């Protein structure tokens, strides 16, 4: 057992007991990375781009908890809260004004599961899909399209 100094007692009294991996707890809305099933960024929550993956993860992990960043405007959280209610998953809104994180929502357990990939990769549209045959590539092609050739 270590002997605590007076400074240690004063620091603990003023700031509270230090938690292990405190930087992870700040980033991941109060939980540790090793407990996370899925993490969505604020951008993914606001655009609903990770909603399908979140629903799959909730179906596979019915005893998990959804933590939601309280700094995300309420209107963007409607779908995530709806999924939690649909599958009877408890959710909590976390608002910590002393920390700044880019995480918008986290599906987590109370114990470690050590999942390797917790983030969703943003899907980029294929270049082939954006260039269709109907879009003329040149000025001459546009004129031909106007006259129906």
Protein backbone atom coordinates (compact mmCIF):
# COMPACT_ATOMS: atom_id res chain seq x y z
CA UNK A 1 0.00 0.00 0.00
CA UNK A 2 1.35 3.42 -0.88
CA UNK A 3 1.42 6.30 1.51
CA UNK A 4 -0.56 9.27 0.26
CA UNK A 5 0.80 12.71 0.83
CA UNK A 6 -1.24 15.70 1.91
CA UNK A 7 -1.09 16.99 -1.68
CA UNK A 8 -2.67 13.77 -2.92
CA UNK A 9 -5.54 14.11 -0.45
CA UNK A 10 -6.09 17.76 -1.37
CA UNK A 11 -6.05 17.03 -5.10
CA UNK A 12 -8.45 14.14 -4.66
CA UNK A 13 -10.73 16.31 -2.55
CA UNK A 14 -10.78 19.16 -5.07
CA UNK A 15 -10.98 17.21 -8.33
CA UNK A 16 -12.28 13.80 -7.30
CA UNK A 17 -10.66 10.41 -7.57
CA UNK A 18 -8.75 9.91 -10.81
CA UNK A 19 -10.28 7.27 -13.03
CA UNK A 20 -8.12 4.97 -15.13
CA UNK A 21 -8.10 5.84 -18.85
CA UNK A 22 -9.81 9.15 -18.19
CA UNK A 23 -9.04 10.40 -21.73
CA UNK A 24 -10.97 7.43 -23.18
CA UNK A 25 -13.93 8.15 -20.93
CA UNK A 26 -13.99 11.75 -22.16
CA UNK A 27 -13.81 10.73 -25.83
CA UNK A 28 -16.35 7.88 -25.67
CA UNK A 29 -19.11 9.58 -23.65
CA UNK A 30 -18.12 8.18 -20.27
CA UNK A 31 -17.30 4.60 -21.25
CA UNK A 32 -14.11 2.79 -22.23
CA UNK A 33 -13.19 1.74 -25.76
CA UNK A 34 -12.97 -1.93 -24.77
CA UNK A 35 -16.70 -1.93 -23.90
CA UNK A 36 -17.95 -0.47 -27.18
CA UNK A 37 -19.87 -2.40 -29.82
CA UNK A 38 -20.33 0.52 -32.22
CA UNK A 39 -19.38 4.21 -32.20
CA UNK A 40 -20.90 6.83 -34.50
CA UNK A 41 -19.41 10.25 -35.10
CA UNK A 42 -21.49 13.39 -34.73
CA UNK A 43 -21.59 13.70 -38.52
CA UNK A 44 -22.91 10.16 -38.91
CA UNK A 45 -25.60 10.80 -36.30
CA UNK A 46 -26.68 14.08 -37.89
CA UNK A 47 -26.84 12.63 -41.41
CA UNK A 48 -28.28 9.25 -40.32
CA UNK A 49 -25.59 7.53 -42.41
CA UNK A 50 -24.85 4.97 -39.70
CA UNK A 51 -28.45 4.21 -38.83
CA UNK A 52 -28.60 0.85 -40.66
CA UNK A 53 -25.38 -0.38 -38.98
CA UNK A 54 -26.66 0.83 -35.61
CA UNK A 55 -29.89 -1.13 -36.05
CA UNK A 56 -27.93 -4.28 -36.95
CA UNK A 57 -25.69 -3.83 -33.91
CA UNK A 58 -28.70 -3.33 -31.62
CA UNK A 59 -30.32 -6.51 -32.96
CA UNK A 60 -27.10 -8.47 -32.32
CA UNK A 61 -26.55 -6.94 -28.85
CA UNK A 62 -29.96 -6.62 -27.15
CA UNK A 63 -28.48 -6.10 -23.68
CA UNK A 64 -26.27 -3.16 -24.67
CA UNK A 65 -26.88 0.49 -23.79
CA UNK A 66 -26.95 3.43 -26.18
CA UNK A 67 -25.07 6.54 -25.05
CA UNK A 68 -25.93 9.70 -26.98
CA UNK A 69 -23.96 12.95 -27.07
CA UNK A 70 -26.09 15.70 -25.53
CA UNK A 71 -24.40 18.38 -27.64
CA UNK A 72 -26.05 17.02 -30.81
CA UNK A 73 -29.31 18.89 -31.47
CA UNK A 74 -32.42 16.94 -30.48
CA UNK A 75 -33.93 16.86 -33.97
CA UNK A 76 -30.99 14.77 -35.22
CA UNK A 77 -31.38 12.16 -32.46
CA UNK A 78 -34.97 11.20 -33.24
CA UNK A 79 -34.06 8.13 -35.33
CA UNK A 80 -31.48 6.79 -32.86
CA UNK A 81 -33.86 7.13 -29.92
CA UNK A 82 -36.61 5.54 -32.02
CA UNK A 83 -34.39 2.50 -32.66
CA UNK A 84 -33.59 2.22 -28.96
CA UNK A 85 -37.29 2.27 -28.11
CA UNK A 86 -38.17 -0.17 -30.91
CA UNK A 87 -35.72 -2.81 -29.63
CA UNK A 88 -36.14 -1.99 -25.90
CA UNK A 89 -32.55 -0.78 -25.49
CA UNK A 90 -31.93 1.70 -22.70
CA UNK A 91 -30.35 4.96 -23.78
CA UNK A 92 -28.79 7.86 -21.93
CA UNK A 93 -27.97 11.36 -23.12
CA UNK A 94 -24.52 12.43 -21.93
CA UNK A 95 -23.74 16.14 -21.71
CA UNK A 96 -20.27 17.04 -20.50
CA UNK A 97 -19.52 20.72 -20.94
CA UNK A 98 -15.90 20.27 -19.83
CA UNK A 99 -14.96 17.97 -22.69
CA UNK A 100 -15.14 18.04 -26.46
CA UNK A 101 -15.55 14.87 -28.52
CA UNK A 102 -16.48 14.03 -32.09
CA UNK A 103 -18.44 10.95 -30.99
CA UNK A 104 -22.21 11.30 -31.44
CA UNK A 105 -23.50 7.93 -30.18
CA UNK A 106 -22.02 4.77 -28.66
CA UNK A 107 -23.55 1.31 -28.26
CA UNK A 108 -21.82 -0.16 -25.23
CA UNK A 109 -21.83 -2.77 -22.47
CA UNK A 110 -20.93 -2.48 -18.79
CA UNK A 111 -18.05 -4.92 -19.29
CA UNK A 112 -15.19 -5.39 -21.75
CA UNK A 113 -15.89 -7.09 -25.08
CA UNK A 114 -12.72 -5.92 -26.92
CA UNK A 115 -14.26 -5.51 -30.37
CA UNK A 116 -11.58 -4.54 -32.87
CA UNK A 117 -13.52 -2.33 -35.32
CA UNK A 118 -16.00 -0.06 -33.58
CA UNK A 119 -16.23 2.70 -36.19
CA UNK A 120 -18.22 2.76 -39.43
CA UNK A 121 -16.32 3.74 -42.54
CA UNK A 122 -18.04 6.51 -44.47
CA UNK A 123 -19.18 5.13 -47.80
CA UNK A 124 -17.96 7.11 -50.80
CA UNK A 125 -20.09 7.04 -53.95
CA UNK A 126 -18.48 5.30 -56.91
CA UNK A 127 -17.28 7.52 -59.73
CA UNK A 128 -18.96 5.20 -62.24
CA UNK A 129 -22.34 5.72 -60.60
CA UNK A 130 -22.09 9.52 -60.71
CA UNK A 131 -21.18 9.49 -64.40
CA UNK A 132 -24.15 8.06 -66.22
CA UNK A 133 -24.50 7.62 -69.96
CA UNK A 134 -27.23 10.22 -70.09
CA UNK A 135 -24.94 13.01 -68.94
CA UNK A 136 -23.13 14.41 -71.97
CA UNK A 137 -19.44 14.98 -71.39
CA UNK A 138 -18.89 17.76 -73.93
CA UNK A 139 -20.58 20.88 -75.22
CA UNK A 140 -21.32 19.14 -78.51
CA UNK A 141 -22.94 16.26 -76.60
CA UNK A 142 -25.26 18.72 -74.83
CA UNK A 143 -26.35 20.24 -78.13
CA UNK A 144 -27.04 16.78 -79.58
CA UNK A 145 -29.14 15.96 -76.53
CA UNK A 146 -31.23 19.11 -76.99
CA UNK A 147 -32.07 18.20 -80.56
CA UNK A 148 -32.77 14.56 -79.73
CA UNK A 149 -29.96 13.00 -81.75
